[in-house]
């Protein structure tokens, strides 16, 4: 089993719905006050809290540039910038914000990587 990254949320059901409906994640597990989502091999959860936690970055990796561009078309209104090549990390990416102000990154590696 892999790990899970959790975030506090004042509206965990709505934010989980956003990631399911807009990003394409699935619900992996429902708990009494938490929803755990899955996107490929990434597990991330949102739990009921009095304040929203926005630290950190949820990075979604696509197979190629076209995948990043598709996400950009979907999230252009939430994007901080247009997709571009980041030469330091040899990736193609852009950043956006989810409805609670959390940072999302959509990227693809421009070099071969080992399977996960």
C-alpha atoms as a PDB file:
ATOM      1  CA  UNK A   1       0.000   0.000   0.000  1.00  0.00           C
ATOM      2  CA  UNK A   2       1.144   3.525  -0.701  1.00  0.00           C
ATOM      3  CA  UNK A   3       0.747   6.627   1.468  1.00  0.00           C
ATOM      4  CA  UNK A   4      -2.062   9.161   1.695  1.00  0.00           C
ATOM      5  CA  UNK A   5      -1.795  12.950   1.922  1.00  0.00           C
ATOM      6  CA  UNK A   6      -4.590  14.551   3.977  1.00  0.00           C
ATOM      7  CA  UNK A   7      -5.858  18.128   4.001  1.00  0.00           C
ATOM      8  CA  UNK A   8      -8.217  19.834   6.421  1.00  0.00           C
ATOM      9  CA  UNK A   9     -11.289  21.366   4.764  1.00  0.00           C
ATOM     10  CA  UNK A  10     -14.288  23.392   5.885  1.00  0.00           C
ATOM     11  CA  UNK A  11     -16.335  21.748   3.111  1.00  0.00           C
ATOM     12  CA  UNK A  12     -14.643  18.404   2.500  1.00  0.00           C
ATOM     13  CA  UNK A  13     -17.559  16.870   0.594  1.00  0.00           C
ATOM     14  CA  UNK A  14     -17.665  19.718  -1.954  1.00  0.00           C
ATOM     15  CA  UNK A  15     -13.904  19.761  -2.485  1.00  0.00           C
ATOM     16  CA  UNK A  16     -13.827  15.982  -2.942  1.00  0.00           C
ATOM     17  CA  UNK A  17     -16.621  16.389  -5.491  1.00  0.00           C
ATOM     18  CA  UNK A  18     -14.524  19.020  -7.332  1.00  0.00           C
ATOM     19  CA  UNK A  19     -11.575  16.645  -7.605  1.00  0.00           C
ATOM     20  CA  UNK A  20     -13.858  13.825  -8.707  1.00  0.00           C
ATOM     21  CA  UNK A  21     -15.909  15.792 -11.252  1.00  0.00           C
ATOM     22  CA  UNK A  22     -13.339  18.304 -12.536  1.00  0.00           C
ATOM     23  CA  UNK A  23      -9.933  16.613 -12.156  1.00  0.00           C
ATOM     24  CA  UNK A  24     -11.063  13.050 -12.778  1.00  0.00           C
ATOM     25  CA  UNK A  25     -10.181  11.458  -9.451  1.00  0.00           C
ATOM     26  CA  UNK A  26     -12.263   8.648  -8.022  1.00  0.00           C
ATOM     27  CA  UNK A  27     -13.405   8.173  -4.448  1.00  0.00           C
ATOM     28  CA  UNK A  28     -11.202   5.462  -2.984  1.00  0.00           C
ATOM     29  CA  UNK A  29     -12.704   5.457   0.515  1.00  0.00           C
ATOM     30  CA  UNK A  30     -15.430   7.324   2.386  1.00  0.00           C
ATOM     31  CA  UNK A  31     -15.009   7.701   6.120  1.00  0.00           C
ATOM     32  CA  UNK A  32     -17.213   9.433   8.685  1.00  0.00           C
ATOM     33  CA  UNK A  33     -15.615  12.870   8.239  1.00  0.00           C
ATOM     34  CA  UNK A  34     -13.071  12.264   5.454  1.00  0.00           C
ATOM     35  CA  UNK A  35     -13.131  11.423   1.771  1.00  0.00           C
ATOM     36  CA  UNK A  36     -10.036   9.792   0.266  1.00  0.00           C
ATOM     37  CA  UNK A  37      -9.613  10.301  -3.479  1.00  0.00           C
ATOM     38  CA  UNK A  38      -7.432   8.441  -5.945  1.00  0.00           C
ATOM     39  CA  UNK A  39      -5.900   9.732  -9.161  1.00  0.00           C
ATOM     40  CA  UNK A  40      -3.725   7.096 -10.821  1.00  0.00           C
ATOM     41  CA  UNK A  41      -1.295   6.157  -8.006  1.00  0.00           C
ATOM     42  CA  UNK A  42      -1.912   9.292  -5.893  1.00  0.00           C
ATOM     43  CA  UNK A  43      -4.092   8.988  -2.785  1.00  0.00           C
ATOM     44  CA  UNK A  44      -5.217  12.242  -1.167  1.00  0.00           C
ATOM     45  CA  UNK A  45      -7.945  12.987   1.324  1.00  0.00           C
ATOM     46  CA  UNK A  46     -10.016  15.825   2.675  1.00  0.00           C
ATOM     47  CA  UNK A  47     -11.263  15.803   6.260  1.00  0.00           C
ATOM     48  CA  UNK A  48     -13.844  17.954   8.016  1.00  0.00           C
ATOM     49  CA  UNK A  49     -12.224  20.791   9.985  1.00  0.00           C
ATOM     50  CA  UNK A  50     -12.858  24.287  11.323  1.00  0.00           C
ATOM     51  CA  UNK A  51     -10.360  25.774   8.880  1.00  0.00           C
ATOM     52  CA  UNK A  52      -9.053  24.890   5.443  1.00  0.00           C
ATOM     53  CA  UNK A  53      -5.464  23.747   4.995  1.00  0.00           C
ATOM     54  CA  UNK A  54      -3.949  25.105   1.777  1.00  0.00           C
ATOM     55  CA  UNK A  55      -0.242  24.397   2.267  1.00  0.00           C
ATOM     56  CA  UNK A  56       1.398  21.993  -0.141  1.00  0.00           C
ATOM     57  CA  UNK A  57       0.871  21.184  -3.803  1.00  0.00           C
ATOM     58  CA  UNK A  58      -1.230  18.420  -5.361  1.00  0.00           C
ATOM     59  CA  UNK A  59       0.656  17.427  -8.518  1.00  0.00           C
ATOM     60  CA  UNK A  60      -1.144  15.454 -11.215  1.00  0.00           C
ATOM     61  CA  UNK A  61       1.164  13.843 -13.777  1.00  0.00           C
ATOM     62  CA  UNK A  62      -0.006  13.200 -17.329  1.00  0.00           C
ATOM     63  CA  UNK A  63       1.443  10.960 -20.032  1.00  0.00           C
ATOM     64  CA  UNK A  64       2.376  13.843 -22.335  1.00  0.00           C
ATOM     65  CA  UNK A  65       2.072  17.566 -23.112  1.00  0.00           C
ATOM     66  CA  UNK A  66      -1.360  17.039 -24.625  1.00  0.00           C
ATOM     67  CA  UNK A  67      -2.599  15.841 -21.226  1.00  0.00           C
ATOM     68  CA  UNK A  68      -1.284  18.989 -19.543  1.00  0.00           C
ATOM     69  CA  UNK A  69      -2.871  21.124 -22.262  1.00  0.00           C
ATOM     70  CA  UNK A  70      -6.224  19.371 -21.753  1.00  0.00           C
ATOM     71  CA  UNK A  71      -6.120  20.223 -18.049  1.00  0.00           C
ATOM     72  CA  UNK A  72      -5.185  23.798 -18.920  1.00  0.00           C
ATOM     73  CA  UNK A  73      -8.236  24.109 -21.168  1.00  0.00           C
ATOM     74  CA  UNK A  74     -10.356  22.848 -18.269  1.00  0.00           C
ATOM     75  CA  UNK A  75      -8.739  25.082 -15.621  1.00  0.00           C
ATOM     76  CA  UNK A  76      -7.617  28.193 -17.539  1.00  0.00           C
ATOM     77  CA  UNK A  77      -9.824  30.351 -15.312  1.00  0.00           C
ATOM     78  CA  UNK A  78      -8.065  28.959 -12.209  1.00  0.00           C
ATOM     79  CA  UNK A  79      -4.539  28.869 -13.709  1.00  0.00           C
ATOM     80  CA  UNK A  80      -1.734  31.049 -12.386  1.00  0.00           C
ATOM     81  CA  UNK A  81       0.115  30.801 -15.694  1.00  0.00           C
ATOM     82  CA  UNK A  82       0.043  29.046 -19.059  1.00  0.00           C
ATOM     83  CA  UNK A  83       1.727  25.668 -19.519  1.00  0.00           C
ATOM     84  CA  UNK A  84       5.445  26.001 -20.164  1.00  0.00           C
ATOM     85  CA  UNK A  85       8.691  24.063 -20.102  1.00  0.00           C
ATOM     86  CA  UNK A  86      10.537  24.149 -16.793  1.00  0.00           C
ATOM     87  CA  UNK A  87      14.102  23.426 -17.884  1.00  0.00           C
ATOM     88  CA  UNK A  88      15.417  23.010 -14.335  1.00  0.00           C
ATOM     89  CA  UNK A  89      13.236  19.922 -13.815  1.00  0.00           C
ATOM     90  CA  UNK A  90      12.773  18.935 -17.473  1.00  0.00           C
ATOM     91  CA  UNK A  91       8.978  19.085 -17.191  1.00  0.00           C
ATOM     92  CA  UNK A  92       6.071  20.808 -18.930  1.00  0.00           C
ATOM     93  CA  UNK A  93       3.589  22.192 -16.395  1.00  0.00           C
ATOM     94  CA  UNK A  94       1.276  24.859 -15.035  1.00  0.00           C
ATOM     95  CA  UNK A  95      -0.181  25.741 -11.651  1.00  0.00           C
ATOM     96  CA  UNK A  96      -3.793  26.448 -10.717  1.00  0.00           C
ATOM     97  CA  UNK A  97      -5.896  26.809  -7.563  1.00  0.00           C
ATOM     98  CA  UNK A  98      -8.741  24.629  -6.399  1.00  0.00           C
ATOM     99  CA  UNK A  99     -11.941  26.222  -4.999  1.00  0.00           C
ATOM    100  CA  UNK A 100     -10.451  26.369  -1.489  1.00  0.00           C
ATOM    101  CA  UNK A 101      -7.198  28.037  -2.623  1.00  0.00           C
ATOM    102  CA  UNK A 102      -5.014  24.916  -2.593  1.00  0.00           C
ATOM    103  CA  UNK A 103      -2.302  24.724  -5.270  1.00  0.00           C
ATOM    104  CA  UNK A 104      -2.704  22.154  -8.036  1.00  0.00           C
ATOM    105  CA  UNK A 105       0.059  21.390 -10.524  1.00  0.00           C
ATOM    106  CA  UNK A 106      -0.433  19.580 -13.816  1.00  0.00           C
ATOM    107  CA  UNK A 107       2.765  18.295 -15.396  1.00  0.00           C
ATOM    108  CA  UNK A 108       4.451  15.784 -17.616  1.00  0.00           C
ATOM    109  CA  UNK A 109       8.072  14.715 -17.542  1.00  0.00           C
ATOM    110  CA  UNK A 110       9.994  15.495 -20.724  1.00  0.00           C
ATOM    111  CA  UNK A 111      12.380  12.600 -20.134  1.00  0.00           C
ATOM    112  CA  UNK A 112      11.968   8.882 -19.512  1.00  0.00           C
ATOM    113  CA  UNK A 113      11.010   7.828 -15.992  1.00  0.00           C
ATOM    114  CA  UNK A 114      10.786   4.445 -14.361  1.00  0.00           C
ATOM    115  CA  UNK A 115       7.269   3.065 -13.920  1.00  0.00           C
ATOM    116  CA  UNK A 116       5.713   3.635 -10.514  1.00  0.00           C
END
